Amino acid sequence: MLSVGLLLLPLASLALPAAAVERDLAYAAYQTGHYRRALTEALKRIEADSSDAAAMTLVGELYRQGLGVPPNQKIATEWYERAAARGDINATYALAIALLDDAGGRRDTARAGTLLRQAAAAGNAAANYNLALALLATGQPEDDARAVASLEIAAKGGIGDAMYALGTLAKQGRGLPRSDVVAAEWMAKAVQTGNIPAEVEYAIMLFNGAGVARDETAAAKLFLRAAGKGNPIAQNRIARLYQIGRGIPPDSIEAAAWHLAARARGLDDPALDQLFDRLTPEQQGRAARLAASRIEGAALTSP
């Protein structure tokens, strides 16, 4: 299933001019977490040059995320507006998203759509990803093909969700020829970005040998990684693998612990319930403690 949420990347992930990375004190402070200094330096630049759109975008981002200042979507939107008017494509994209958010007090879906298409046409990766989601939502074949083109631009920009989406579309044969091989290639790329749904999907493909050489051990490692991040499907799959000893040595305690973690997220499995019931009270206690620690660990590390 494809994600349908809008994606607004932090400024550190957006494409900025090389000069901004090499000599921009404001941006350097932002990257290193010195947000108040970043705001001070950005405002100095704007005072010195009222057309400094990149500095305006940075100020907007600081207010949007509440970094070094209280979060204020209205002020963020105003700064994005000023930067977009001066041609900053990152601000154009950020403004489009802001105009879709009631918190900014200036919701304007028509203008947001225009700005989103403008940013996408200029090559902004996140804008292309969100434009692709909008195109896929129409259900029209011609829009599916256009969505694939936008997703490819987003994927080149390093957006793991776009890579996962391309893998999903390749499996479905939607917007591009159906191919498990192409799907596996995109899923593998998305895995490298830490995309959790892709980790689960690619693990399934590895386990079944769909579009990629079968490798149950590699599949188990991926399931285990995604399970540790709190994904209930991965938790259920790794529990099953521990139960039967496929790709990983059999371990009833581990199977029960991961099953309890998945069940806590609403994913039932009667066969694993039976496995848990067959354990001794001491084993059940060990499994329950393991599950509790993993549930807490996933909650603490989730974005």
Protein backbone atom coordinates (compact mmCIF):
# COMPACT_ATOMS: atom_id res chain seq x y z
CA MET A 1 0.00 0.00 0.00
CA LEU A 2 1.30 3.43 -0.93
CA SER A 3 1.62 6.21 1.60
CA VAL A 4 -0.77 9.06 0.89
CA GLY A 5 0.60 11.62 3.33
CA LEU A 6 2.21 14.83 2.18
CA LEU A 7 5.95 14.90 2.56
CA LEU A 8 7.70 18.04 3.78
CA LEU A 9 11.41 17.39 4.16
CA PRO A 10 13.53 19.32 6.66
CA LEU A 11 15.74 21.93 5.06
CA ALA A 12 18.84 19.79 5.55
CA SER A 13 17.34 17.31 3.08
CA LEU A 14 16.41 19.86 0.45
CA ALA A 15 18.54 20.74 -2.54
CA LEU A 16 20.49 23.88 -1.75
CA PRO A 17 23.13 25.73 -3.77
CA ALA A 18 26.65 24.45 -3.18
CA ALA A 19 27.61 27.86 -1.83
CA ALA A 20 25.03 27.47 0.94
CA VAL A 21 26.79 24.35 2.11
CA GLU A 22 30.33 25.66 1.78
CA ARG A 23 30.21 29.22 3.11
CA ASP A 24 26.80 29.92 4.60
CA LEU A 25 27.19 30.48 8.36
CA ALA A 26 23.42 30.42 8.87
CA TYR A 27 22.96 27.08 7.12
CA ALA A 28 26.04 25.62 8.82
CA ALA A 29 24.59 26.57 12.21
CA TYR A 30 21.28 24.97 11.21
CA GLN A 31 23.00 21.73 10.23
CA THR A 32 24.88 21.53 13.53
CA GLY A 33 21.83 22.24 15.68
CA HIS A 34 22.70 25.81 16.67
CA TYR A 35 19.28 27.10 15.70
CA ARG A 36 19.28 30.47 17.44
CA ARG A 37 22.57 31.30 15.79
CA ALA A 38 21.15 30.11 12.47
CA LEU A 39 18.24 32.52 12.88
CA THR A 40 20.54 35.39 13.84
CA GLU A 41 22.86 34.79 10.88
CA ALA A 42 19.95 34.41 8.45
CA LEU A 43 18.38 37.66 9.62
CA LYS A 44 21.75 39.42 9.26
CA ARG A 45 21.90 38.26 5.66
CA ILE A 46 18.39 39.48 4.94
CA GLU A 47 19.16 42.86 6.49
CA ALA A 48 22.22 43.12 4.27
CA ASP A 49 20.41 41.87 1.16
CA SER A 50 16.62 42.11 1.00
CA SER A 51 16.60 39.70 -1.96
CA ASP A 52 18.37 36.84 -0.12
CA ALA A 53 15.69 34.21 -0.72
CA ALA A 54 17.72 31.29 0.68
CA ALA A 55 18.05 33.04 4.05
CA MET A 56 14.31 33.75 4.06
CA THR A 57 13.60 30.08 3.40
CA LEU A 58 15.81 29.12 6.32
CA VAL A 59 13.95 31.51 8.65
CA GLY A 60 10.67 30.01 7.49
CA GLU A 61 11.94 26.52 8.17
CA LEU A 62 13.08 27.44 11.68
CA TYR A 63 9.63 28.80 12.51
CA ARG A 64 7.87 25.84 10.89
CA GLN A 65 9.78 23.31 12.96
CA GLY A 66 10.03 25.47 16.06
CA LEU A 67 13.82 25.32 16.13
CA GLY A 68 15.33 28.00 18.36
CA VAL A 69 11.98 29.80 18.33
CA PRO A 70 8.40 28.81 19.26
CA PRO A 71 6.74 27.06 16.30
CA ASN A 72 4.60 29.46 14.32
CA GLN A 73 3.12 28.31 11.03
CA LYS A 74 1.76 31.77 10.21
CA ILE A 75 5.20 33.40 10.44
CA ALA A 76 6.79 30.47 8.59
CA THR A 77 4.30 30.88 5.75
CA GLU A 78 5.02 34.60 5.52
CA TRP A 79 8.77 33.93 5.16
CA TYR A 80 8.16 31.21 2.57
CA GLU A 81 5.98 33.67 0.67
CA ARG A 82 8.76 36.27 0.58
CA ALA A 83 11.36 33.71 -0.50
CA ALA A 84 9.12 32.16 -3.16
CA ALA A 85 8.45 35.61 -4.63
CA ARG A 86 12.22 35.91 -5.09
CA GLY A 87 12.52 32.60 -6.92
CA ASP A 88 13.62 30.15 -4.22
CA ILE A 89 12.26 26.79 -5.35
CA ASN A 90 12.50 25.21 -1.89
CA ALA A 91 10.35 28.02 -0.55
CA THR A 92 7.91 27.57 -3.42
CA TYR A 93 7.44 23.95 -2.40
CA ALA A 94 7.25 24.73 1.32
CA LEU A 95 4.69 27.45 0.62
CA ALA A 96 2.57 25.00 -1.36
CA ILE A 97 2.45 22.64 1.61
CA ALA A 98 1.81 25.52 4.03
CA LEU A 99 -1.19 26.60 1.95
CA LEU A 100 -2.67 23.14 2.43
CA ASP A 101 -2.37 23.44 6.22
CA ASP A 102 -5.08 25.20 8.20
CA ALA A 103 -2.52 26.07 10.90
CA GLY A 104 -1.01 28.76 8.69
CA GLY A 105 -4.33 30.59 8.47
CA ARG A 106 -4.08 30.97 4.69
CA ARG A 107 -5.38 27.70 3.25
CA ASP A 108 -5.60 27.93 -0.55
CA THR A 109 -5.70 24.55 -2.29
CA ALA A 110 -5.85 25.98 -5.81
CA ARG A 111 -2.75 28.10 -5.36
CA ALA A 112 -1.03 25.29 -3.49
CA GLY A 113 -1.55 23.02 -6.49
CA THR A 114 -0.08 25.61 -8.83
CA LEU A 115 2.96 26.09 -6.62
CA LEU A 116 3.43 22.36 -6.19
CA ARG A 117 3.48 21.84 -9.95
CA GLN A 118 5.87 24.76 -10.33
CA ALA A 119 8.29 23.31 -7.78
CA ALA A 120 8.00 19.86 -9.34
CA ALA A 121 8.73 21.22 -12.80
CA ALA A 122 11.86 22.84 -11.39
CA GLY A 123 13.04 19.45 -10.16
CA ASN A 124 12.26 19.68 -6.44
CA ALA A 125 12.28 16.05 -5.25
CA ALA A 126 9.68 16.35 -2.48
CA ALA A 127 7.36 18.32 -4.73
CA ASN A 128 7.57 15.60 -7.35
CA TYR A 129 6.76 12.95 -4.74
CA ASN A 130 3.67 14.81 -3.53
CA LEU A 131 2.58 15.60 -7.08
CA ALA A 132 2.84 11.89 -7.87
CA LEU A 133 0.56 11.05 -4.94
CA ALA A 134 -2.02 13.51 -6.25
CA LEU A 135 -1.79 12.04 -9.75
CA LEU A 136 -2.15 8.46 -8.49
CA ALA A 137 -5.25 9.47 -6.55
CA THR A 138 -7.13 10.28 -9.79
CA GLY A 139 -7.10 6.63 -10.90
CA GLN A 140 -6.53 7.65 -14.52
CA PRO A 141 -3.98 5.60 -16.54
CA GLU A 142 -2.45 8.72 -18.11
CA ASP A 143 -1.96 10.21 -14.66
CA ASP A 144 -0.35 6.96 -13.46
CA ALA A 145 2.33 7.33 -16.15
CA ARG A 146 2.91 10.97 -15.18
CA ALA A 147 3.12 9.91 -11.53
CA VAL A 148 5.84 7.40 -12.36
CA ALA A 149 7.89 10.12 -14.07
CA SER A 150 7.57 12.35 -11.00
CA LEU A 151 8.42 9.49 -8.66
CA GLU A 152 11.59 8.78 -10.64
CA ILE A 153 12.69 12.39 -10.13
CA ALA A 154 11.90 12.11 -6.42
CA ALA A 155 13.79 8.82 -6.19
CA LYS A 156 16.86 10.39 -7.81
CA GLY A 157 16.60 13.02 -5.09
CA GLY A 158 16.99 10.29 -2.48
CA ILE A 159 13.40 10.03 -1.26
CA GLY A 160 12.91 6.48 -0.01
CA ASP A 161 9.12 6.74 -0.09
CA ALA A 162 9.35 7.41 -3.83
CA MET A 163 11.53 4.35 -4.36
CA TYR A 164 9.08 2.24 -2.38
CA ALA A 165 6.18 3.63 -4.42
CA LEU A 166 7.94 2.77 -7.69
CA GLY A 167 8.54 -0.76 -6.43
CA THR A 168 4.88 -1.11 -5.51
CA LEU A 169 3.72 0.23 -8.88
CA ALA A 170 6.08 -2.14 -10.71
CA LYS A 171 4.58 -5.08 -8.81
CA GLN A 172 1.11 -3.91 -9.76
CA GLY A 173 1.97 -3.04 -13.35
CA ARG A 174 0.49 0.40 -12.79
CA GLY A 175 2.00 3.25 -14.79
CA LEU A 176 4.84 1.00 -15.95
CA PRO A 177 5.17 -2.64 -17.10
CA ARG A 178 4.57 -5.23 -14.40
CA SER A 179 7.91 -6.66 -13.27
CA ASP A 180 8.92 -8.33 -10.01
CA VAL A 181 12.56 -7.79 -10.98
CA VAL A 182 12.11 -4.03 -11.32
CA ALA A 183 9.99 -4.00 -8.16
CA ALA A 184 12.75 -5.78 -6.22
CA GLU A 185 15.36 -3.35 -7.53
CA TRP A 186 13.37 -0.35 -6.32
CA MET A 187 12.59 -1.99 -2.99
CA ALA A 188 16.28 -2.75 -2.45
CA LYS A 189 17.13 0.90 -3.12
CA ALA A 190 14.43 2.05 -0.71
CA VAL A 191 15.80 -0.30 1.95
CA GLN A 192 19.11 1.55 1.77
CA THR A 193 17.31 4.74 2.81
CA GLY A 194 15.84 3.04 5.89
CA ASN A 195 12.30 2.90 4.49
CA ILE A 196 10.47 0.48 6.79
CA PRO A 197 7.62 -0.59 4.45
CA ALA A 198 10.27 -1.36 1.82
CA GLU A 199 12.24 -3.43 4.33
CA VAL A 200 9.16 -5.57 4.94
CA GLU A 201 8.22 -5.87 1.27
CA TYR A 202 11.75 -6.66 0.14
CA ALA A 203 12.09 -9.24 2.92
CA ILE A 204 8.94 -10.95 1.61
CA MET A 205 10.36 -10.91 -1.92
CA LEU A 206 13.66 -12.34 -0.71
CA PHE A 207 11.91 -15.08 1.26
CA ASN A 208 9.77 -16.08 -1.72
CA GLY A 209 12.39 -15.50 -4.40
CA ALA A 210 10.11 -13.04 -6.21
CA GLY A 211 12.14 -10.87 -8.60
CA VAL A 212 15.32 -11.62 -6.68
CA ALA A 213 17.32 -14.70 -5.73
CA ARG A 214 15.72 -16.49 -2.81
CA ASP A 215 17.55 -15.85 0.46
CA GLU A 216 15.69 -16.76 3.65
CA THR A 217 18.56 -15.69 5.90
CA ALA A 218 18.69 -12.20 4.38
CA ALA A 219 14.89 -12.02 4.59
CA ALA A 220 14.96 -12.89 8.29
CA LYS A 221 17.55 -10.16 8.96
CA LEU A 222 15.36 -7.57 7.26
CA PHE A 223 12.24 -8.72 9.09
CA LEU A 224 14.17 -8.51 12.36
CA ARG A 225 15.38 -4.99 11.55
CA ALA A 226 11.89 -3.74 10.69
CA ALA A 227 10.44 -5.55 13.70
CA GLY A 228 12.84 -3.71 15.96
CA LYS A 229 11.49 -0.44 14.56
CA GLY A 230 7.98 -1.42 15.63
CA ASN A 231 6.48 -2.66 12.35
CA PRO A 232 3.78 -5.19 13.34
CA ILE A 233 3.87 -7.09 10.05
CA ALA A 234 7.60 -7.62 10.41
CA GLN A 235 7.13 -8.61 14.05
CA ASN A 236 4.58 -11.22 13.04
CA ARG A 237 6.75 -12.56 10.20
CA ILE A 238 9.88 -12.87 12.32
CA ALA A 239 7.83 -14.57 15.03
CA ARG A 240 6.72 -17.17 12.49
CA LEU A 241 10.28 -17.67 11.29
CA TYR A 242 11.49 -18.18 14.86
CA GLN A 243 8.66 -20.65 15.35
CA ILE A 244 9.57 -22.84 12.36
CA GLY A 245 13.30 -22.10 12.12
CA ARG A 246 13.36 -20.69 8.58
CA GLY A 247 16.22 -18.27 7.87
CA ILE A 248 16.97 -18.08 11.58
CA PRO A 249 17.48 -20.71 14.31
CA PRO A 250 14.20 -21.79 15.96
CA ASP A 251 13.46 -20.14 19.28
CA SER A 252 10.06 -20.41 20.94
CA ILE A 253 10.74 -17.59 23.42
CA GLU A 254 11.72 -15.18 20.64
CA ALA A 255 8.72 -16.27 18.58
CA ALA A 256 6.39 -15.64 21.50
CA ALA A 257 7.98 -12.29 22.35
CA TRP A 258 7.68 -10.94 18.83
CA HIS A 259 4.14 -12.28 18.59
CA LEU A 260 3.17 -10.41 21.75
CA ALA A 261 4.70 -7.23 20.34
CA ALA A 262 2.74 -7.62 17.10
CA ARG A 263 -0.45 -8.46 18.97
CA ALA A 264 -0.06 -5.29 21.02
CA ARG A 265 -0.22 -3.43 17.71
CA GLY A 266 -3.45 -5.23 16.76
CA LEU A 267 -2.05 -8.06 14.64
CA ASP A 268 -3.51 -11.38 15.82
CA ASP A 269 -2.19 -14.84 14.91
CA PRO A 270 -4.03 -17.87 16.40
CA ALA A 271 -1.16 -20.27 15.63
CA LEU A 272 1.28 -18.12 17.59
CA ASP A 273 -1.28 -17.79 20.38
CA GLN A 274 -1.18 -21.57 20.64
CA LEU A 275 2.62 -21.53 20.74
CA PHE A 276 2.51 -19.05 23.64
CA ASP A 277 -0.06 -21.15 25.51
CA ARG A 278 2.21 -24.19 25.29
CA LEU A 279 5.06 -22.39 27.04
CA THR A 280 5.67 -22.81 30.75
CA PRO A 281 4.69 -19.90 33.02
CA GLU A 282 8.38 -19.03 33.40
CA GLN A 283 8.87 -18.99 29.63
CA GLN A 284 5.74 -16.91 29.16
CA GLY A 285 7.09 -14.39 31.65
CA ARG A 286 10.41 -14.16 29.81
CA ALA A 287 8.61 -13.66 26.50
CA ALA A 288 6.34 -11.00 27.99
CA ARG A 289 9.31 -9.08 29.43
CA LEU A 290 11.13 -9.23 26.09
CA ALA A 291 8.03 -8.00 24.28
CA ALA A 292 7.56 -5.11 26.71
CA SER A 293 11.16 -3.98 26.30
CA ARG A 294 10.89 -4.12 22.51
CA ILE A 295 7.62 -2.22 22.46
CA GLU A 296 9.18 0.49 24.64
CA GLY A 297 12.37 0.54 22.57
CA ALA A 298 10.47 0.95 19.30
CA ALA A 299 8.39 3.77 20.81
CA LEU A 300 11.52 5.62 21.94
CA THR A 301 13.30 5.31 18.59
CA SER A 302 10.35 5.92 16.26
CA PRO A 303 10.41 9.25 14.37
